[in-house]
Amino acid sequence: DGVGLADCLSESHKEDCRNLLGQFCELFSLTPGQTTWYEHTINMGAACLLKVDIYRQPDHVRDCIKAEVQKMLDLGVIEH
């Protein structure tokens, strides 16, 4: 199984989702990654950058953030 379904769904809707996921299982993956089926760009135009205050995160949170970013880099989900 491995797929979490929202608690707000009724059991009937959860079963419908499981059936749909099972029917098209070759289209889904539990591991995020890249696709070559489609490519898009986000046009920012002449938008100004926002200045956002930076808040220091606790060490344990910062370690989790670094690990998730590294995982996404390794999987090719994001680029640096």
Protein backbone atom coordinates (compact mmCIF):
# COMPACT_ATOMS: atom_id res chain seq x y z
CA ASP A 1 0.00 0.00 0.00
CA GLY A 2 2.29 2.79 1.20
CA VAL A 3 -0.04 5.60 0.10
CA GLY A 4 -1.55 7.75 2.81
CA LEU A 5 -5.12 8.82 2.21
CA ALA A 6 -6.69 11.77 3.98
CA ASP A 7 -8.55 10.94 7.17
CA CYS A 8 -11.42 13.17 6.05
CA LEU A 9 -12.28 10.74 3.23
CA SER A 10 -15.04 8.25 3.84
CA GLU A 11 -14.13 4.57 3.69
CA SER A 12 -16.02 4.39 0.38
CA HIS A 13 -13.91 7.20 -1.10
CA LYS A 14 -10.72 5.64 0.26
CA GLU A 15 -11.64 2.36 -1.41
CA ASP A 16 -12.34 4.21 -4.68
CA CYS A 17 -8.90 5.84 -4.45
CA ARG A 18 -7.19 2.52 -3.74
CA ASN A 19 -8.93 0.95 -6.74
CA LEU A 20 -7.92 3.85 -8.99
CA LEU A 21 -4.32 3.74 -7.79
CA GLY A 22 -4.25 -0.02 -8.31
CA GLN A 23 -5.70 0.29 -11.81
CA PHE A 24 -3.03 2.81 -12.84
CA CYS A 25 -0.19 1.70 -10.54
CA GLU A 26 2.38 1.91 -13.36
CA LEU A 27 1.82 5.69 -13.46
CA PHE A 28 2.62 6.27 -9.78
CA SER A 29 5.74 6.00 -7.67
CA LEU A 30 6.33 6.34 -3.95
CA THR A 31 9.72 7.87 -4.77
CA PRO A 32 9.61 11.36 -6.26
CA GLY A 33 11.72 11.97 -9.31
CA GLN A 34 11.82 13.50 -12.75
CA THR A 35 9.72 12.98 -15.80
CA THR A 36 10.68 13.57 -19.39
CA TRP A 37 7.04 13.60 -20.49
CA TYR A 38 6.58 17.29 -19.81
CA GLU A 39 8.71 20.32 -19.13
CA HIS A 40 7.59 23.75 -18.02
CA THR A 41 9.06 27.04 -16.96
CA ILE A 42 7.74 29.58 -14.52
CA ASN A 43 7.86 33.03 -16.08
CA MET A 44 8.50 35.55 -13.33
CA GLY A 45 8.47 38.45 -15.77
CA ALA A 46 9.80 41.63 -14.24
CA ALA A 47 8.56 40.71 -10.77
CA CYS A 48 10.52 42.16 -7.89
CA LEU A 49 12.09 39.81 -5.40
CA LEU A 50 10.42 39.74 -2.02
CA LYS A 51 12.44 40.50 1.05
CA VAL A 52 11.53 38.01 3.72
CA ASP A 53 12.98 38.00 7.20
CA ILE A 54 15.03 34.91 7.91
CA TYR A 55 14.28 33.07 11.13
CA ARG A 56 16.86 30.74 12.63
CA GLN A 57 15.62 27.18 12.90
CA PRO A 58 16.49 24.86 15.78
CA ASP A 59 19.36 22.48 15.00
CA HIS A 60 17.13 19.39 14.76
CA VAL A 61 14.78 21.17 12.32
CA ARG A 62 17.68 22.53 10.28
CA ASP A 63 19.13 19.00 10.01
CA CYS A 64 15.77 17.70 8.73
CA ILE A 65 15.53 20.52 6.19
CA LYS A 66 19.07 19.85 4.93
CA ALA A 67 18.34 16.12 4.62
CA GLU A 68 15.12 16.73 2.64
CA VAL A 69 16.83 19.23 0.33
CA GLN A 70 19.70 16.79 -0.26
CA LYS A 71 17.23 13.99 -0.99
CA MET A 72 15.41 16.16 -3.56
CA LEU A 73 18.75 17.15 -5.15
CA ASP A 74 19.82 13.49 -5.35
CA LEU A 75 16.48 12.49 -6.93
CA GLY A 76 16.65 15.33 -9.45
CA VAL A 77 13.46 16.94 -8.16
CA ILE A 78 15.27 20.25 -7.69
CA GLU A 79 18.45 21.75 -9.13
CA HIS A 80 21.10 23.94 -7.60
